[in-house]
N, C-alpha and C. Protein backbone atom coordinates (compact mmCIF):
# COMPACT_ATOMS: atom_id res chain seq x y z
N MET A 1 96.67 105.56 88.24
CA MET A 1 95.67 106.03 89.27
C MET A 1 96.28 105.59 90.64
N SER A 2 96.72 104.38 90.74
CA SER A 2 97.11 103.61 91.87
C SER A 2 98.34 104.24 92.40
N LYS A 3 99.28 104.82 91.45
CA LYS A 3 100.60 105.29 91.99
C LYS A 3 100.12 106.60 92.75
N GLU A 4 99.23 107.29 92.26
CA GLU A 4 98.93 108.69 92.87
C GLU A 4 98.32 108.32 94.42
N LEU A 5 97.47 107.43 94.35
CA LEU A 5 96.66 106.92 95.69
C LEU A 5 97.91 106.45 96.61
N ILE A 6 98.75 105.77 96.09
CA ILE A 6 100.02 105.20 97.13
C ILE A 6 100.63 106.40 97.63
N GLU A 7 100.97 107.34 96.70
CA GLU A 7 101.85 108.36 97.05
C GLU A 7 101.13 109.35 98.18
N GLU A 8 99.61 109.52 97.93
CA GLU A 8 98.79 110.28 98.99
C GLU A 8 98.67 109.39 100.37
N ALA A 9 98.58 107.98 100.23
CA ALA A 9 98.63 107.15 101.48
C ALA A 9 99.96 107.34 102.32
N ILE A 10 100.97 107.32 101.44
CA ILE A 10 102.36 107.53 102.09
C ILE A 10 102.44 109.02 102.86
N GLU A 11 102.01 109.96 102.21
CA GLU A 11 101.96 111.33 102.67
C GLU A 11 101.20 111.36 104.06
N LYS A 12 99.93 110.61 103.89
CA LYS A 12 99.09 110.59 105.25
C LYS A 12 99.84 109.70 106.17
N TYR A 13 100.36 108.76 106.07
CA TYR A 13 101.37 107.87 106.93
C TYR A 13 102.44 108.73 107.45
N ASN A 14 103.20 109.54 106.76
CA ASN A 14 104.21 110.17 107.25
C ASN A 14 103.49 111.39 108.19
N LYS A 15 102.48 111.86 107.95
CA LYS A 15 101.86 112.92 108.67
C LYS A 15 101.67 112.45 110.20
N TYR A 16 101.35 111.07 110.30
CA TYR A 16 101.14 110.60 111.72
C TYR A 16 102.27 109.79 112.25
N ARG A 17 103.15 109.40 111.62
CA ARG A 17 104.19 108.38 111.99
C ARG A 17 105.70 109.03 112.10
N SER A 18 105.79 110.01 111.19
CA SER A 18 107.22 110.53 110.97
C SER A 18 107.40 111.53 112.22
N PRO A 19 108.62 111.59 113.01
CA PRO A 19 109.71 111.15 112.40
C PRO A 19 110.24 109.72 113.01
N GLU A 20 109.47 109.14 113.75
CA GLU A 20 109.57 107.83 114.18
C GLU A 20 109.78 106.85 113.13
N ALA A 21 108.85 106.90 112.04
CA ALA A 21 108.96 106.11 111.05
C ALA A 21 108.53 106.92 109.87
N THR A 22 109.32 106.99 108.84
CA THR A 22 109.07 107.77 107.59
C THR A 22 109.11 106.86 106.44
N ALA A 23 108.00 106.87 105.48
CA ALA A 23 107.93 106.14 104.34
C ALA A 23 108.33 106.87 103.15
N ARG A 24 108.88 106.34 102.18
CA ARG A 24 109.03 106.96 100.71
C ARG A 24 109.06 105.98 99.79
N LEU A 25 108.16 106.16 98.71
CA LEU A 25 107.99 105.43 97.61
C LEU A 25 109.35 105.30 96.76
N VAL A 26 109.91 104.15 96.60
CA VAL A 26 111.05 104.12 96.03
C VAL A 26 110.76 103.52 94.40
N TYR A 27 109.80 102.58 94.37
CA TYR A 27 109.62 102.00 93.09
C TYR A 27 108.04 101.50 92.72
N TYR A 28 107.56 101.86 91.83
CA TYR A 28 106.11 101.49 91.46
C TYR A 28 106.08 100.79 90.14
N GLN A 29 105.27 99.71 90.16
CA GLN A 29 104.93 98.71 88.98
C GLN A 29 103.53 98.67 89.15
N GLU A 30 102.81 98.23 88.17
CA GLU A 30 101.32 98.01 88.22
C GLU A 30 100.74 97.21 89.26
N ASP A 31 101.30 96.24 89.58
CA ASP A 31 100.70 95.43 90.96
C ASP A 31 101.67 95.24 91.95
N LYS A 32 102.75 96.03 92.18
CA LYS A 32 103.71 96.03 92.94
C LYS A 32 104.43 97.24 93.35
N PHE A 33 104.73 97.60 94.41
CA PHE A 33 105.39 98.77 94.73
C PHE A 33 106.49 98.46 95.95
N LEU A 34 107.51 99.27 96.08
CA LEU A 34 108.56 99.20 97.15
C LEU A 34 108.62 100.49 97.93
N VAL A 35 108.62 100.32 99.03
CA VAL A 35 108.61 101.51 100.13
C VAL A 35 109.75 101.43 101.00
N GLU A 36 110.46 102.43 101.24
CA GLU A 36 111.55 102.58 102.14
C GLU A 36 111.07 103.01 103.40
N PHE A 37 111.24 102.49 104.48
CA PHE A 37 110.87 102.98 105.70
C PHE A 37 112.31 103.30 106.50
N SER A 38 112.20 104.52 107.12
CA SER A 38 113.39 104.82 107.92
C SER A 38 112.99 105.47 109.11
N GLY A 39 113.84 105.53 110.19
CA GLY A 39 113.48 106.23 111.45
C GLY A 39 113.98 105.31 112.52
N TYR A 40 113.62 105.61 113.72
CA TYR A 40 113.73 104.77 115.01
C TYR A 40 112.64 104.25 115.46
N PHE A 41 112.36 103.08 114.91
CA PHE A 41 111.22 102.42 115.19
C PHE A 41 111.25 101.85 116.55
N CYS A 42 109.92 101.83 117.14
CA CYS A 42 109.72 101.40 118.54
C CYS A 42 109.61 99.80 118.43
N LEU A 43 110.67 99.06 118.78
CA LEU A 43 110.87 97.65 118.34
C LEU A 43 109.84 97.04 119.18
N THR A 44 109.67 97.66 120.54
CA THR A 44 108.91 96.73 121.48
C THR A 44 107.43 96.89 121.16
N CYS A 45 107.13 97.97 120.34
CA CYS A 45 105.80 98.24 119.94
C CYS A 45 105.00 97.21 118.90
N GLY A 46 106.19 96.69 118.17
CA GLY A 46 105.74 95.75 117.08
C GLY A 46 106.14 96.36 115.85
N TYR A 47 107.30 95.91 115.47
CA TYR A 47 108.15 96.23 114.35
C TYR A 47 107.29 96.28 113.07
N TYR A 48 106.78 95.08 112.76
CA TYR A 48 105.86 95.01 111.47
C TYR A 48 104.56 95.85 111.48
N ASP A 49 104.02 96.27 112.56
CA ASP A 49 102.94 97.17 112.82
C ASP A 49 103.19 98.42 112.00
N TYR A 50 104.41 98.82 111.83
CA TYR A 50 104.52 100.29 111.11
C TYR A 50 104.22 100.04 109.52
N PHE A 51 104.65 98.76 109.05
CA PHE A 51 104.42 98.49 107.85
C PHE A 51 102.86 98.05 107.33
N GLU A 52 102.32 97.50 108.42
CA GLU A 52 100.84 97.16 108.26
C GLU A 52 100.06 98.40 108.31
N ASP A 53 100.52 99.37 109.05
CA ASP A 53 99.80 100.74 109.10
C ASP A 53 99.51 101.49 107.71
N LEU A 54 100.67 101.12 106.89
CA LEU A 54 100.36 101.68 105.57
C LEU A 54 99.47 100.98 104.79
N ILE A 55 99.12 99.59 105.19
CA ILE A 55 98.13 98.65 104.46
C ILE A 55 96.94 99.21 104.91
N TYR A 56 96.64 99.56 106.12
CA TYR A 56 95.49 100.03 106.59
C TYR A 56 95.01 101.38 105.90
N ILE A 57 95.92 102.30 105.72
CA ILE A 57 95.71 103.65 105.03
C ILE A 57 95.18 103.45 103.57
N LEU A 58 96.00 102.46 103.00
CA LEU A 58 95.76 102.07 101.65
C LEU A 58 94.25 101.53 101.49
N LYS A 59 93.88 100.62 102.47
CA LYS A 59 92.50 100.15 102.61
C LYS A 59 91.37 101.36 102.59
N GLU A 60 91.73 102.25 103.40
CA GLU A 60 90.81 103.36 103.65
C GLU A 60 90.69 104.09 102.43
N MET A 61 91.77 104.03 101.38
CA MET A 61 91.71 104.68 100.16
C MET A 61 91.03 103.83 98.88
N GLY A 62 90.74 102.52 99.17
CA GLY A 62 90.10 101.79 98.28
C GLY A 62 91.08 100.78 97.64
N LEU A 63 92.43 100.91 98.15
CA LEU A 63 93.35 99.75 97.77
C LEU A 63 93.80 98.68 98.56
N ARG A 64 93.78 97.41 98.25
CA ARG A 64 93.95 96.34 98.93
C ARG A 64 95.46 95.97 98.81
N ALA A 65 96.21 95.67 99.59
CA ALA A 65 97.64 95.33 99.41
C ALA A 65 98.03 94.46 100.60
N LYS A 66 98.96 93.68 100.40
CA LYS A 66 99.83 92.76 101.34
C LYS A 66 101.14 92.92 101.29
N THR A 67 102.02 92.74 102.37
CA THR A 67 103.57 92.68 102.11
C THR A 67 103.88 91.46 101.40
N GLU A 68 104.96 91.60 100.47
CA GLU A 68 105.57 90.44 99.84
C GLU A 68 106.76 90.14 100.41
N LYS A 69 107.64 91.03 100.70
CA LYS A 69 109.08 90.96 101.30
C LYS A 69 109.32 92.04 102.26
N ILE A 70 110.06 91.87 103.06
CA ILE A 70 110.67 92.67 104.08
C ILE A 70 112.20 92.59 104.36
N GLU A 71 112.92 93.60 103.87
CA GLU A 71 114.23 93.45 103.80
C GLU A 71 114.81 94.49 104.76
N GLU A 72 115.55 94.03 105.93
CA GLU A 72 116.30 95.09 106.92
C GLU A 72 117.45 95.49 106.29
N LYS A 73 117.78 96.67 106.29
CA LYS A 73 118.99 97.25 105.85
C LYS A 73 119.86 97.92 107.06
N GLU A 74 121.01 98.50 106.82
CA GLU A 74 121.68 99.11 108.04
C GLU A 74 121.06 100.57 108.02
N ASN A 75 121.49 101.12 109.17
CA ASN A 75 121.19 102.54 109.56
C ASN A 75 119.41 102.84 109.52
N ASN A 76 118.90 101.68 110.31
CA ASN A 76 117.45 101.97 110.62
C ASN A 76 116.63 102.15 109.29
N ILE A 77 116.81 101.36 108.38
CA ILE A 77 116.21 101.31 107.05
C ILE A 77 115.56 100.04 106.71
N THR A 78 114.57 99.90 106.20
CA THR A 78 113.65 98.81 105.76
C THR A 78 113.05 98.86 104.60
N LEU A 79 113.44 97.99 103.60
CA LEU A 79 112.51 97.94 102.27
C LEU A 79 111.56 97.09 102.43
N VAL A 80 110.27 97.53 102.13
CA VAL A 80 109.14 96.54 101.91
C VAL A 80 108.53 96.63 100.61
N THR A 81 108.28 95.49 100.12
CA THR A 81 107.67 95.16 98.76
C THR A 81 106.16 94.98 99.18
N PHE A 82 105.33 95.58 98.56
CA PHE A 82 103.78 95.35 98.61
C PHE A 82 103.40 94.87 97.39
N ILE A 83 102.33 94.06 97.35
CA ILE A 83 101.53 93.57 96.28
C ILE A 83 100.25 94.17 96.25
N LEU A 84 99.80 94.75 95.18
CA LEU A 84 98.36 95.18 95.24
C LEU A 84 97.53 93.99 94.94
N LEU A 85 96.21 93.89 95.55
CA LEU A 85 95.49 92.89 95.30
C LEU A 85 94.17 93.31 94.70
N LYS A 86 93.57 92.39 93.86
CA LYS A 86 92.58 92.71 92.90
C LYS A 86 91.35 92.58 93.74
């Protein structure tokens, strides 16, 4: 059930943030998931706000999550590991 809600949250996120920031679910495990964020983030607007926005959307859908790891890659790609909270 959580995976479907996460995918729905990502779809909603992309509706409002893409193409500036686009999220894609890379990996899902029962209590953890990895999302790839790509795009031309507005760094002056608060780089980490883009990842926190997904947390707020998840919260609206009844899931509590927090970031565990943020890994910046080349070509405007960031991998963010989220943990689902009980």
